[in-house]
Each structure stands twice: as structure tokens, then as C-alpha cells.
Amino acid sequence: MRLPTPTKSQPVRTEQIILFRVSGQLFAVSSASVKEVRSVDTLAGAAKEIAQAGLRKVRHIVQRGEHSLYVVNGAMHFGLPAFAPALVFVLRHTRTALLVDGIEKMTTMTRLQALPQAFCNDERDWYRGVTAIDQTVVPVVKPEGFLTPDELFLLDSSLQPKASDSAALDSAACDSAASQAAGGPPSVFEGGGLESTSTTNFPCEPASLKATSDAPVDSEAGTAPLGFKGADFAPTDTTNSPSIPQ
């Protein structure tokens, strides 16, 4: 009698994620979406303040070569109380640098649950879905959800010089050229890119998990508990607050 050939079980797909906090609230983001993690101190000499009416969550821009990054205040984006950010996430394939409290830990996500119907407003554009980590439901953010195309258009438009500003810049350029021709010292642009040794770079990861509406949400086995839903967490230390305004 020939026994049936046992079928091989499909390997469980996983995705590496970073658990982080904004105003004490826990969120998750794919580690493949985070290009760099930096201290807010590195923004002090590189960030340029901007003001765009109706978009209070963005108050600074950082120029990196030919590209500009908009610094998004995570608390204002999610509608949470103000906080003192400690870290900046430079998000891959976006123009967003996200201010956060700090990193809780890195772990593995095996299931991504589709958003419940209770999420019916802007948050459907903020999150890929939810996952469960040690009996706590955690929303998984979309990197591209922090700045919509319309918001990027508004921000880019606010940076375009006006006609009077262009004339002033042309005059300043002529004065600078005349000064250099006369042997005067060249002008120096203060700022530039983010240059710091306190940088964490994350390599590219495999394809991300797809959200499902019927699959259970499991957390990584053996990870340290983060606490149950509704647990109180220690407030963020606000001493020695960074120079970036809230």
C-alpha cells in the first residue's frame, strides 16, 4: 500500500518592522521604508524654517543635494498632544523626515490585518493596516501617507521665489560676483545636508506583507512584552529639549 506523499507546508512570510512612539502612542513602520535614523540634533544646522498656512505639521525643510526633505511633526500629523522629539526617520522613496519620540524595538510581523471599518477618515491613507505585537494592536503606517501630493504641491509652491525676491537675488548675485572679482572673500552657504556620525542606515528588505481581512494577526514568538492595551507608559523625558520647535 502506497502512502500519500506529505505536502510541504509553505514557509511563513515575515516582515521586519520598527516599533516607535509618537506622543507616547505606539506605531509600526516597515524597516525597509526607513532609510536612516538620526538624532534631532543633526537638524539644528541643516533645517531651514518654512511656514505654509494650513499645514502646521511641516515647519522645516532640509536640503540634501538636489533633493529637499520636509520635516513632519508626527504628533501634529496624528492629532496627538505636543511632544519633544528625539529622533528623525528619513523615509525611503519619499520626501519626508518624520519626528518621533524614539524607537521601542525592532521585531518581526507575520500577519497584517486590514483596517477595521471604524477607520473611515484620513487615517485610511495613514496606515497600511494593523498588526498584533504581544497582545497589543499596533497600526502600521504608510511612509507615503505623511504628505499627500496636494500637500507636497503646496509646500513646493511656497518655496518658489516671488518676482521681487528674484530681482533681489539677481542683485545679490551681481554684488557677489563683483566682490569676488575685486578679490573679496566668497560667500558661504551655512547649512547643507545632514552630516553626522550618529546615523543608523537600514538596508532594503524583501517585499512587504499584504493586508488581509480574514487572517489572524500574530506577533513574533519570544519577544519581550510591551504591555497590554490600555497600559500606562512612562512619559517621554522632555529635559534638554532639542532646538527644533514643536
Protein backbone atom coordinates (compact mmCIF):
# COMPACT_ATOMS: atom_id res chain seq x y z
CA MET A 1 0.00 0.00 0.00
CA ARG A 2 1.45 3.31 -1.06
CA LEU A 3 1.22 6.08 1.49
CA PRO A 4 0.27 9.52 0.25
CA THR A 5 3.15 11.94 -0.15
CA PRO A 6 3.02 14.52 2.62
CA THR A 7 2.53 18.03 1.38
CA LYS A 8 5.16 20.58 2.27
CA SER A 9 3.90 23.50 4.32
CA GLN A 10 4.50 26.91 2.85
CA PRO A 11 7.07 28.97 4.77
CA VAL A 12 5.58 31.79 6.80
CA ARG A 13 6.31 35.17 5.26
CA THR A 14 7.58 37.76 7.67
CA GLU A 15 8.44 41.44 7.56
CA GLN A 16 10.87 43.32 9.75
CA ILE A 17 9.27 46.33 11.44
CA ILE A 18 10.33 49.14 13.75
CA LEU A 19 8.10 49.91 16.72
CA PHE A 20 8.25 53.61 17.58
CA ARG A 21 6.34 56.10 19.69
CA VAL A 22 4.79 59.47 18.94
CA SER A 23 3.43 61.33 21.99
CA GLY A 24 3.63 58.02 23.85
CA GLN A 25 1.45 56.18 21.31
CA LEU A 26 2.85 53.04 19.68
CA PHE A 27 3.16 52.72 15.89
CA ALA A 28 4.97 50.41 13.49
CA VAL A 29 6.76 51.00 10.21
CA SER A 30 8.50 48.59 7.87
CA SER A 31 12.26 48.75 8.39
CA ALA A 32 12.57 48.65 4.60
CA SER A 33 10.83 52.03 4.50
CA VAL A 34 13.30 53.72 6.86
CA LYS A 35 16.47 54.82 5.11
CA GLU A 36 18.13 56.48 8.10
CA VAL A 37 17.52 57.19 11.78
CA ARG A 38 19.11 60.36 13.11
CA SER A 39 19.12 62.47 16.23
CA VAL A 40 17.19 65.74 16.05
CA ASP A 41 20.44 67.48 16.96
CA THR A 42 21.64 66.86 13.41
CA LEU A 43 18.83 69.08 12.11
CA ALA A 44 19.94 72.12 14.09
CA GLY A 45 22.35 73.45 11.46
CA ALA A 46 20.72 71.93 8.39
CA ALA A 47 17.00 72.65 8.74
CA LYS A 48 15.51 75.78 7.23
CA GLU A 49 12.30 77.10 8.74
CA ILE A 50 9.29 77.45 6.45
CA ALA A 51 5.70 78.48 7.02
CA GLN A 52 2.80 77.19 4.95
CA ALA A 53 -0.67 78.27 6.01
CA GLY A 54 -2.91 75.30 6.69
CA LEU A 55 -0.04 72.84 7.04
CA ARG A 56 1.28 73.34 10.56
CA LYS A 57 2.77 69.85 10.77
CA VAL A 58 5.64 70.92 8.47
CA ARG A 59 7.79 73.77 9.75
CA HIS A 60 11.26 72.85 8.45
CA ILE A 61 12.91 71.71 5.26
CA VAL A 62 16.29 70.03 4.83
CA GLN A 63 18.20 70.26 1.56
CA ARG A 64 20.14 67.15 0.60
CA GLY A 65 21.93 67.70 -2.66
CA GLU A 66 19.32 68.31 -5.35
CA HIS A 67 16.52 66.96 -3.18
CA SER A 68 14.60 68.53 -0.31
CA LEU A 69 13.09 66.73 2.67
CA TYR A 70 10.14 68.12 4.58
CA VAL A 71 10.28 67.56 8.34
CA VAL A 72 6.87 66.30 9.51
CA ASN A 73 5.86 66.61 13.16
CA GLY A 74 4.39 63.21 13.96
CA ALA A 75 2.18 64.48 16.80
CA MET A 76 0.51 67.12 14.61
CA HIS A 77 0.06 64.63 11.79
CA PHE A 78 -1.74 62.11 14.02
CA GLY A 79 -3.59 64.77 16.04
CA LEU A 80 -1.79 63.88 19.29
CA PRO A 81 -0.54 66.14 22.11
CA ALA A 82 2.70 68.01 21.55
CA PHE A 83 5.92 66.19 22.45
CA ALA A 84 9.67 66.69 22.47
CA PRO A 85 11.01 64.63 19.53
CA ALA A 86 14.31 62.82 19.95
CA LEU A 87 14.75 61.05 16.59
CA VAL A 88 14.17 61.65 12.90
CA PHE A 89 13.18 58.89 10.48
CA VAL A 90 14.32 59.60 6.92
CA LEU A 91 11.76 57.61 4.95
CA ARG A 92 12.82 55.84 1.78
CA HIS A 93 11.19 56.75 -1.58
CA THR A 94 9.51 59.81 -0.02
CA ARG A 95 10.39 63.42 0.75
CA THR A 96 9.52 63.00 4.41
CA ALA A 97 11.67 63.19 7.52
CA LEU A 98 9.46 62.16 10.46
CA LEU A 99 9.94 63.44 14.02
CA VAL A 100 9.27 60.74 16.65
CA ASP A 101 9.73 60.20 20.40
CA GLY A 102 12.04 57.24 19.96
CA ILE A 103 12.30 53.59 18.98
CA GLU A 104 10.71 50.92 21.16
CA LYS A 105 12.37 47.96 19.42
CA MET A 106 12.69 46.09 16.14
CA THR A 107 10.70 42.92 15.66
CA THR A 108 9.05 40.71 13.03
CA MET A 109 5.48 40.95 11.71
CA THR A 110 3.94 37.76 10.33
CA ARG A 111 0.39 38.98 9.63
CA LEU A 112 -1.03 42.32 8.53
CA GLN A 113 -4.73 42.83 9.17
CA ALA A 114 -6.80 45.15 7.00
CA LEU A 115 -8.04 48.30 8.70
CA PRO A 116 -11.37 47.93 10.52
CA GLN A 117 -14.34 49.90 9.21
CA ALA A 118 -14.02 52.21 12.23
CA PHE A 119 -11.08 53.78 10.37
CA CYS A 120 -13.13 55.82 7.92
CA ASN A 121 -11.40 59.19 7.53
CA ASP A 122 -7.85 60.37 6.75
CA GLU A 123 -6.39 57.51 8.77
CA ARG A 124 -7.18 55.14 5.90
CA ASP A 125 -4.44 56.97 4.00
CA TRP A 126 -2.10 56.91 7.00
CA TYR A 127 -1.99 53.16 7.67
CA ARG A 128 -1.33 50.00 5.68
CA GLY A 129 -3.24 48.00 8.29
CA VAL A 130 -2.82 46.80 11.86
CA THR A 131 -0.80 44.04 13.45
CA ALA A 132 -0.67 42.49 16.93
CA ILE A 133 2.51 42.58 18.98
CA ASP A 134 2.35 40.89 22.38
CA GLN A 135 -1.43 41.28 22.69
CA THR A 136 -1.31 44.95 21.64
CA VAL A 137 -2.87 46.06 18.34
CA VAL A 138 -0.43 48.36 16.56
CA PRO A 139 -1.18 50.43 13.43
CA VAL A 140 1.37 50.03 10.63
CA VAL A 141 1.99 53.37 8.91
CA LYS A 142 2.31 54.11 5.20
CA PRO A 143 5.54 56.04 4.54
CA GLU A 144 3.89 57.92 1.67
CA GLY A 145 0.86 58.79 3.86
CA PHE A 146 2.54 61.61 5.79
CA LEU A 147 2.46 64.04 2.87
CA THR A 148 -0.16 63.83 0.15
CA PRO A 149 0.57 65.00 -3.42
CA ASP A 150 -1.56 68.11 -2.78
CA GLU A 151 0.41 68.92 0.38
CA LEU A 152 3.70 68.47 -1.45
CA PHE A 153 2.45 70.82 -4.18
CA LEU A 154 1.58 73.47 -1.56
CA LEU A 155 4.96 73.11 0.10
CA ASP A 156 6.87 73.26 -3.17
CA SER A 157 4.85 76.30 -4.25
CA SER A 158 5.68 78.11 -1.01
CA LEU A 159 9.37 77.74 -1.81
CA GLN A 160 9.12 79.35 -5.25
CA PRO A 161 10.60 82.88 -5.09
CA LYS A 162 8.35 85.80 -5.89
CA ALA A 163 9.20 88.26 -8.66
CA SER A 164 10.53 90.83 -6.18
CA ASP A 165 12.57 88.15 -4.45
CA SER A 166 14.03 87.03 -7.77
CA ALA A 167 15.15 90.59 -8.54
CA ALA A 168 16.77 90.85 -5.11
CA LEU A 169 18.54 87.52 -5.64
CA ASP A 170 19.83 88.64 -9.04
CA SER A 171 21.13 91.86 -7.49
CA ALA A 172 22.81 89.93 -4.69
CA ALA A 173 24.41 87.56 -7.22
CA CYS A 174 25.83 90.52 -9.18
CA ASP A 175 27.20 92.06 -5.97
CA SER A 176 28.78 88.73 -5.01
CA ALA A 177 30.39 88.36 -8.44
CA ALA A 178 31.77 91.89 -8.25
CA SER A 179 33.13 91.25 -4.75
CA GLN A 180 34.93 88.09 -5.88
CA ALA A 181 36.33 89.88 -8.93
CA ALA A 182 37.75 92.53 -6.60
CA GLY A 183 39.44 89.87 -4.50
CA GLY A 184 36.85 89.77 -1.73
CA PRO A 185 36.04 86.55 0.15
CA PRO A 186 33.39 84.30 -1.44
CA SER A 187 30.01 83.99 0.23
CA VAL A 188 29.33 80.83 2.22
CA PHE A 189 26.01 78.99 2.47
CA GLU A 190 25.53 77.74 6.01
CA GLY A 191 23.59 74.52 6.34
CA GLY A 192 23.65 71.89 3.63
CA GLY A 193 22.99 68.21 4.10
CA LEU A 194 22.65 66.23 7.28
CA GLU A 195 26.17 65.37 8.30
CA SER A 196 26.51 63.38 11.48
CA THR A 197 28.11 60.22 12.77
CA SER A 198 25.02 59.34 14.83
CA THR A 199 23.26 57.64 11.92
CA THR A 200 21.61 54.27 11.54
CA ASN A 201 21.18 53.02 7.98
CA PHE A 202 18.68 50.27 7.19
CA PRO A 203 19.21 48.00 4.17
CA CYS A 204 16.47 47.20 1.71
CA GLU A 205 14.14 44.40 2.75
CA PRO A 206 12.08 41.79 0.82
CA ALA A 207 8.62 42.63 -0.42
CA SER A 208 6.22 43.76 2.29
CA LEU A 209 3.25 41.76 3.53
CA LYS A 210 -0.20 42.33 2.08
CA ALA A 211 -3.10 43.24 4.37
CA THR A 212 -5.81 40.59 4.71
CA SER A 213 -9.27 40.94 6.22
CA ASP A 214 -9.73 37.39 7.49
CA ALA A 215 -6.30 36.22 8.64
CA PRO A 216 -5.39 36.33 12.34
CA VAL A 217 -2.70 38.71 13.49
CA ASP A 218 0.21 37.03 15.21
CA SER A 219 3.19 38.58 16.94
CA GLU A 220 6.73 37.28 16.90
CA ALA A 221 7.26 34.41 19.31
CA GLY A 222 9.59 35.01 22.19
CA THR A 223 9.65 38.81 22.04
CA ALA A 224 9.67 40.87 25.20
CA PRO A 225 6.19 42.13 26.16
CA LEU A 226 5.32 45.77 25.50
CA GLY A 227 2.29 45.74 27.79
CA PHE A 228 -1.39 45.15 27.24
CA LYS A 229 -3.85 47.54 25.67
CA GLY A 230 -4.57 50.46 27.94
CA ALA A 231 -1.39 50.07 29.94
CA ASP A 232 0.25 53.24 31.21
CA PHE A 233 3.68 54.08 29.90
CA ALA A 234 6.22 56.43 31.38
CA PRO A 235 6.04 59.92 29.85
CA THR A 236 8.71 61.00 27.44
CA ASP A 237 11.62 62.81 29.07
CA THR A 238 11.48 66.44 27.94
CA THR A 239 14.70 67.61 29.59
CA ASN A 240 17.32 69.02 27.28
CA SER A 241 14.72 69.51 24.57
CA PRO A 242 16.10 69.82 21.03
CA SER A 243 16.34 73.08 19.15
CA ILE A 244 13.67 72.12 16.61
CA PRO A 245 10.39 73.90 17.59
CA GLN A 246 7.36 71.77 18.39
